[in-house]
PDB file of N, CA and C in Angstrom:
ATOM      1  N   UNK A   1     -12.497  15.797 -11.690  1.00  0.00           N
ATOM      2  CA  UNK A   1     -11.413  16.474 -12.165  1.00  0.00           C
ATOM      3  C   UNK A   1     -10.148  15.619 -12.019  1.00  0.00           C
ATOM      4  N   UNK A   2      -9.392  15.352 -12.974  1.00  0.00           N
ATOM      5  CA  UNK A   2      -8.209  14.567 -12.881  1.00  0.00           C
ATOM      6  C   UNK A   2      -7.161  15.311 -12.047  1.00  0.00           C
ATOM      7  N   UNK A   3      -6.204  14.429 -11.419  1.00  0.00           N
ATOM      8  CA  UNK A   3      -5.227  15.052 -10.581  1.00  0.00           C
ATOM      9  C   UNK A   3      -4.149  15.706 -11.514  1.00  0.00           C
ATOM     10  N   UNK A   4      -3.549  16.786 -11.049  1.00  0.00           N
ATOM     11  CA  UNK A   4      -2.550  17.447 -11.785  1.00  0.00           C
ATOM     12  C   UNK A   4      -1.223  17.519 -11.082  1.00  0.00           C
ATOM     13  N   UNK A   5      -1.005  16.413 -10.285  1.00  0.00           N
ATOM     14  CA  UNK A   5       0.241  16.415  -9.508  1.00  0.00           C
ATOM     15  C   UNK A   5       1.485  16.187 -10.456  1.00  0.00           C
ATOM     16  N   UNK A   6       2.614  16.777 -10.099  1.00  0.00           N
ATOM     17  CA  UNK A   6       3.813  16.546 -10.829  1.00  0.00           C
ATOM     18  C   UNK A   6       4.449  15.190 -10.294  1.00  0.00           C
ATOM     19  N   UNK A   7       5.535  14.866 -10.967  1.00  0.00           N
ATOM     20  CA  UNK A   7       6.099  13.534 -10.566  1.00  0.00           C
ATOM     21  C   UNK A   7       6.611  13.484  -9.145  1.00  0.00           C
ATOM     22  N   UNK A   8       7.105  14.636  -8.603  1.00  0.00           N
ATOM     23  CA  UNK A   8       7.594  14.636  -7.304  1.00  0.00           C
ATOM     24  C   UNK A   8       6.440  14.516  -6.315  1.00  0.00           C
ATOM     25  N   UNK A   9       5.420  15.200  -6.520  1.00  0.00           N
ATOM     26  CA  UNK A   9       4.192  15.202  -5.663  1.00  0.00           C
ATOM     27  C   UNK A   9       3.603  13.730  -5.671  1.00  0.00           C
ATOM     28  N   UNK A  10       3.609  13.167  -6.863  1.00  0.00           N
ATOM     29  CA  UNK A  10       3.084  11.802  -6.972  1.00  0.00           C
ATOM     30  C   UNK A  10       3.895  10.762  -6.236  1.00  0.00           C
ATOM     31  N   UNK A  11       5.209  10.954  -6.349  1.00  0.00           N
ATOM     32  CA  UNK A  11       6.122  10.106  -5.631  1.00  0.00           C
ATOM     33  C   UNK A  11       5.956  10.186  -4.094  1.00  0.00           C
ATOM     34  N   UNK A  12       5.808  11.442  -3.649  1.00  0.00           N
ATOM     35  CA  UNK A  12       5.623  11.683  -2.137  1.00  0.00           C
ATOM     36  C   UNK A  12       4.289  11.173  -1.649  1.00  0.00           C
ATOM     37  N   UNK A  13       3.234  11.330  -2.405  1.00  0.00           N
ATOM     38  CA  UNK A  13       1.963  10.830  -2.074  1.00  0.00           C
ATOM     39  C   UNK A  13       1.887   9.300  -2.098  1.00  0.00           C
ATOM     40  N   UNK A  14       2.412   8.642  -2.996  1.00  0.00           N
ATOM     41  CA  UNK A  14       2.488   7.213  -3.048  1.00  0.00           C
ATOM     42  C   UNK A  14       3.382   6.639  -1.939  1.00  0.00           C
ATOM     43  N   UNK A  15       4.515   7.269  -1.761  1.00  0.00           N
ATOM     44  CA  UNK A  15       5.399   6.852  -0.723  1.00  0.00           C
ATOM     45  C   UNK A  15       4.813   6.976   0.684  1.00  0.00           C
ATOM     46  N   UNK A  16       4.133   8.055   0.941  1.00  0.00           N
ATOM     47  CA  UNK A  16       3.448   8.216   2.187  1.00  0.00           C
ATOM     48  C   UNK A  16       2.405   7.225   2.480  1.00  0.00           C
ATOM     49  N   UNK A  17       1.616   6.964   1.431  1.00  0.00           N
ATOM     50  CA  UNK A  17       0.518   5.986   1.496  1.00  0.00           C
ATOM     51  C   UNK A  17       1.071   4.579   1.708  1.00  0.00           C
ATOM     52  N   UNK A  18       2.140   4.182   0.900  1.00  0.00           N
ATOM     53  CA  UNK A  18       2.718   2.874   1.053  1.00  0.00           C
ATOM     54  C   UNK A  18       3.194   2.602   2.502  1.00  0.00           C
ATOM     55  N   UNK A  19       3.779   3.658   3.096  1.00  0.00           N
ATOM     56  CA  UNK A  19       4.207   3.579   4.462  1.00  0.00           C
ATOM     57  C   UNK A  19       3.068   3.334   5.483  1.00  0.00           C
ATOM     58  N   UNK A  20       1.928   3.954   5.218  1.00  0.00           N
ATOM     59  CA  UNK A  20       0.722   3.797   5.952  1.00  0.00           C
ATOM     60  C   UNK A  20       0.256   2.339   5.771  1.00  0.00           C
ATOM     61  N   UNK A  21       0.120   1.863   4.591  1.00  0.00           N
ATOM     62  CA  UNK A  21      -0.292   0.556   4.367  1.00  0.00           C
ATOM     63  C   UNK A  21       0.695  -0.502   4.974  1.00  0.00           C
ATOM     64  N   UNK A  22       1.949  -0.214   4.902  1.00  0.00           N
ATOM     65  CA  UNK A  22       2.908  -1.185   5.525  1.00  0.00           C
ATOM     66  C   UNK A  22       2.759  -1.258   7.084  1.00  0.00           C
ATOM     67  N   UNK A  23       2.285  -0.232   7.712  1.00  0.00           N
ATOM     68  CA  UNK A  23       2.084  -0.256   9.101  1.00  0.00           C
ATOM     69  C   UNK A  23       0.624  -0.597   9.498  1.00  0.00           C
ATOM     70  N   UNK A  24      -0.123  -1.082   8.524  1.00  0.00           N
ATOM     71  CA  UNK A  24      -1.429  -1.704   8.867  1.00  0.00           C
ATOM     72  C   UNK A  24      -2.630  -0.864   8.602  1.00  0.00           C
ATOM     73  N   UNK A  25      -2.494   0.253   7.857  1.00  0.00           N
ATOM     74  CA  UNK A  25      -3.658   0.976   7.550  1.00  0.00           C
ATOM     75  C   UNK A  25      -4.653   0.245   6.626  1.00  0.00           C
ATOM     76  N   UNK A  26      -5.923   0.412   6.734  1.00  0.00           N
ATOM     77  CA  UNK A  26      -6.739  -0.373   5.841  1.00  0.00           C
ATOM     78  C   UNK A  26      -6.588   0.089   4.394  1.00  0.00           C
ATOM     79  N   UNK A  27      -6.725  -0.861   3.477  1.00  0.00           N
ATOM     80  CA  UNK A  27      -6.521  -0.637   2.078  1.00  0.00           C
ATOM     81  C   UNK A  27      -7.937  -0.099   1.565  1.00  0.00           C
ATOM     82  N   UNK A  28      -7.936   0.911   0.714  1.00  0.00           N
ATOM     83  CA  UNK A  28      -9.091   1.661   0.265  1.00  0.00           C
ATOM     84  C   UNK A  28      -9.751   0.973  -0.957  1.00  0.00           C
ATOM     85  N   UNK A  29      -9.118   0.013  -1.576  1.00  0.00           N
ATOM     86  CA  UNK A  29      -9.671  -0.634  -2.803  1.00  0.00           C
ATOM     87  C   UNK A  29      -9.522  -2.110  -2.728  1.00  0.00           C
ATOM     88  N   UNK A  30     -10.217  -2.895  -3.545  1.00  0.00           N
ATOM     89  CA  UNK A  30     -10.053  -4.293  -3.679  1.00  0.00           C
ATOM     90  C   UNK A  30      -9.002  -4.571  -4.776  1.00  0.00           C
ATOM     91  N   UNK A  31      -7.961  -5.217  -4.375  1.00  0.00           N
ATOM     92  CA  UNK A  31      -6.863  -5.408  -5.269  1.00  0.00           C
ATOM     93  C   UNK A  31      -6.182  -6.764  -4.899  1.00  0.00           C
ATOM     94  N   UNK A  32      -5.570  -7.381  -5.911  1.00  0.00           N
ATOM     95  CA  UNK A  32      -4.785  -8.571  -5.805  1.00  0.00           C
ATOM     96  C   UNK A  32      -3.340  -8.251  -5.350  1.00  0.00           C
ATOM     97  N   UNK A  33      -2.977  -7.027  -5.271  1.00  0.00           N
ATOM     98  CA  UNK A  33      -1.565  -6.730  -4.927  1.00  0.00           C
ATOM     99  C   UNK A  33      -1.255  -7.056  -3.492  1.00  0.00           C
ATOM    100  N   UNK A  34      -0.025  -7.370  -3.135  1.00  0.00           N
ATOM    101  CA  UNK A  34       0.340  -7.528  -1.764  1.00  0.00           C
ATOM    102  C   UNK A  34       1.445  -6.643  -1.340  1.00  0.00           C
ATOM    103  N   UNK A  35       2.123  -5.980  -2.174  1.00  0.00           N
ATOM    104  CA  UNK A  35       3.237  -5.071  -1.803  1.00  0.00           C
ATOM    105  C   UNK A  35       2.616  -3.636  -1.520  1.00  0.00           C
ATOM    106  N   UNK A  36       2.963  -3.048  -0.422  1.00  0.00           N
ATOM    107  CA  UNK A  36       2.363  -1.798  -0.102  1.00  0.00           C
ATOM    108  C   UNK A  36       2.515  -0.629  -1.147  1.00  0.00           C
ATOM    109  N   UNK A  37       3.774  -0.625  -1.800  1.00  0.00           N
ATOM    110  CA  UNK A  37       3.960   0.395  -2.820  1.00  0.00           C
ATOM    111  C   UNK A  37       3.096   0.166  -4.071  1.00  0.00           C
ATOM    112  N   UNK A  38       2.783  -1.053  -4.347  1.00  0.00           N
ATOM    113  CA  UNK A  38       1.981  -1.309  -5.620  1.00  0.00           C
ATOM    114  C   UNK A  38       0.447  -1.097  -5.173  1.00  0.00           C
ATOM    115  N   UNK A  39       0.108  -1.300  -3.921  1.00  0.00           N
ATOM    116  CA  UNK A  39      -1.275  -1.021  -3.489  1.00  0.00           C
ATOM    117  C   UNK A  39      -1.453   0.522  -3.515  1.00  0.00           C
ATOM    118  N   UNK A  40      -0.475   1.228  -2.939  1.00  0.00           N
ATOM    119  CA  UNK A  40      -0.537   2.722  -2.947  1.00  0.00           C
ATOM    120  C   UNK A  40      -0.624   3.199  -4.418  1.00  0.00           C
ATOM    121  N   UNK A  41       0.132   2.702  -5.307  1.00  0.00           N
ATOM    122  CA  UNK A  41       0.110   3.233  -6.699  1.00  0.00           C
ATOM    123  C   UNK A  41      -1.203   2.986  -7.355  1.00  0.00           C
ATOM    124  N   UNK A  42      -1.812   1.810  -7.043  1.00  0.00           N
ATOM    125  CA  UNK A  42      -3.175   1.487  -7.599  1.00  0.00           C
ATOM    126  C   UNK A  42      -4.197   2.403  -6.939  1.00  0.00           C
ATOM    127  N   UNK A  43      -4.110   2.689  -5.672  1.00  0.00           N
ATOM    128  CA  UNK A  43      -5.030   3.629  -5.045  1.00  0.00           C
ATOM    129  C   UNK A  43      -4.972   5.035  -5.634  1.00  0.00           C
ATOM    130  N   UNK A  44      -3.666   5.415  -5.915  1.00  0.00           N
ATOM    131  CA  UNK A  44      -3.401   6.716  -6.500  1.00  0.00           C
ATOM    132  C   UNK A  44      -4.079   6.779  -7.964  1.00  0.00           C
ATOM    133  N   UNK A  45      -3.801   5.760  -8.715  1.00  0.00           N
ATOM    134  CA  UNK A  45      -4.348   5.678 -10.114  1.00  0.00           C
ATOM    135  C   UNK A  45      -5.831   5.698 -10.091  1.00  0.00           C
ATOM    136  N   UNK A  46      -6.482   5.102  -9.127  1.00  0.00           N
ATOM    137  CA  UNK A  46      -7.974   5.116  -9.053  1.00  0.00           C
ATOM    138  C   UNK A  46      -8.532   6.346  -8.364  1.00  0.00           C
ATOM    139  N   UNK A  47      -7.652   7.228  -7.931  1.00  0.00           N
ATOM    140  CA  UNK A  47      -7.965   8.499  -7.274  1.00  0.00           C
ATOM    141  C   UNK A  47      -8.868   8.439  -6.155  1.00  0.00           C
ATOM    142  N   UNK A  48      -8.533   7.499  -5.280  1.00  0.00           N
ATOM    143  CA  UNK A  48      -9.212   7.358  -3.993  1.00  0.00           C
ATOM    144  C   UNK A  48      -8.520   7.824  -2.743  1.00  0.00           C
ATOM    145  N   UNK A  49      -7.363   8.397  -2.957  1.00  0.00           N
ATOM    146  CA  UNK A  49      -6.576   8.821  -1.793  1.00  0.00           C
ATOM    147  C   UNK A  49      -6.979  10.201  -1.367  1.00  0.00           C
ATOM    148  N   UNK A  50      -7.167  10.418  -0.015  1.00  0.00           N
ATOM    149  CA  UNK A  50      -7.632  11.691   0.431  1.00  0.00           C
ATOM    150  C   UNK A  50      -6.506  12.620   0.811  1.00  0.00           C
ATOM    151  N   UNK A  51      -5.505  12.659  -0.049  1.00  0.00           N
ATOM    152  CA  UNK A  51      -4.338  13.599   0.189  1.00  0.00           C
ATOM    153  C   UNK A  51      -4.629  14.914  -0.637  1.00  0.00           C
ATOM    154  N   UNK A  52      -4.253  15.979  -0.031  1.00  0.00           N
ATOM    155  CA  UNK A  52      -4.254  17.313  -0.682  1.00  0.00           C
ATOM    156  C   UNK A  52      -2.865  17.866  -0.749  1.00  0.00           C
ATOM    157  N   UNK A  53      -2.511  18.341  -1.931  1.00  0.00           N
ATOM    158  CA  UNK A  53      -1.155  18.961  -2.107  1.00  0.00           C
ATOM    159  C   UNK A  53      -1.361  20.451  -1.939  1.00  0.00           C
ATOM    160  N   UNK A  54      -0.540  21.001  -1.082  1.00  0.00           N
ATOM    161  CA  UNK A  54      -0.601  22.464  -0.903  1.00  0.00           C
ATOM    162  C   UNK A  54       0.787  22.978  -1.481  1.00  0.00           C
ATOM    163  N   UNK A  55       0.621  23.772  -2.524  1.00  0.00           N
ATOM    164  CA  UNK A  55       1.841  24.381  -3.115  1.00  0.00           C
ATOM    165  C   UNK A  55       2.077  25.744  -2.604  1.00  0.00           C
ATOM    166  N   UNK A  56       3.314  26.247  -2.715  1.00  0.00           N
ATOM    167  CA  UNK A  56       3.631  27.599  -2.240  1.00  0.00           C
ATOM    168  C   UNK A  56       2.761  28.760  -2.822  1.00  0.00           C
ATOM    169  N   UNK A  57       2.284  28.546  -4.089  1.00  0.00           N
ATOM    170  CA  UNK A  57       1.603  29.610  -4.767  1.00  0.00           C
ATOM    171  C   UNK A  57       0.059  29.437  -4.473  1.00  0.00           C
ATOM    172  N   UNK A  58      -0.340  28.457  -3.774  1.00  0.00           N
ATOM    173  CA  UNK A  58      -1.829  28.233  -3.514  1.00  0.00           C
ATOM    174  C   UNK A  58      -2.264  28.986  -2.307  1.00  0.00           C
ATOM    175  N   UNK A  59      -1.423  29.582  -1.518  1.00  0.00           N
ATOM    176  CA  UNK A  59      -1.881  30.134  -0.188  1.00  0.00           C
ATOM    177  C   UNK A  59      -2.568  31.439  -0.411  1.00  0.00           C
TER     178      UNK A  59
END
């Protein structure tokens, strides 16, 4: 099932993941990228990130 995150959720997920990568977290994909933000965006696009978005109306 494809992700249905809005642009704000997408930005938050990629930003949080880029921070993790910048601090030395292992990269989840094989990539030629070296910038944490680009690595995080590619991981997001490949749908390999284990992030869950909890919205106010999902409770």
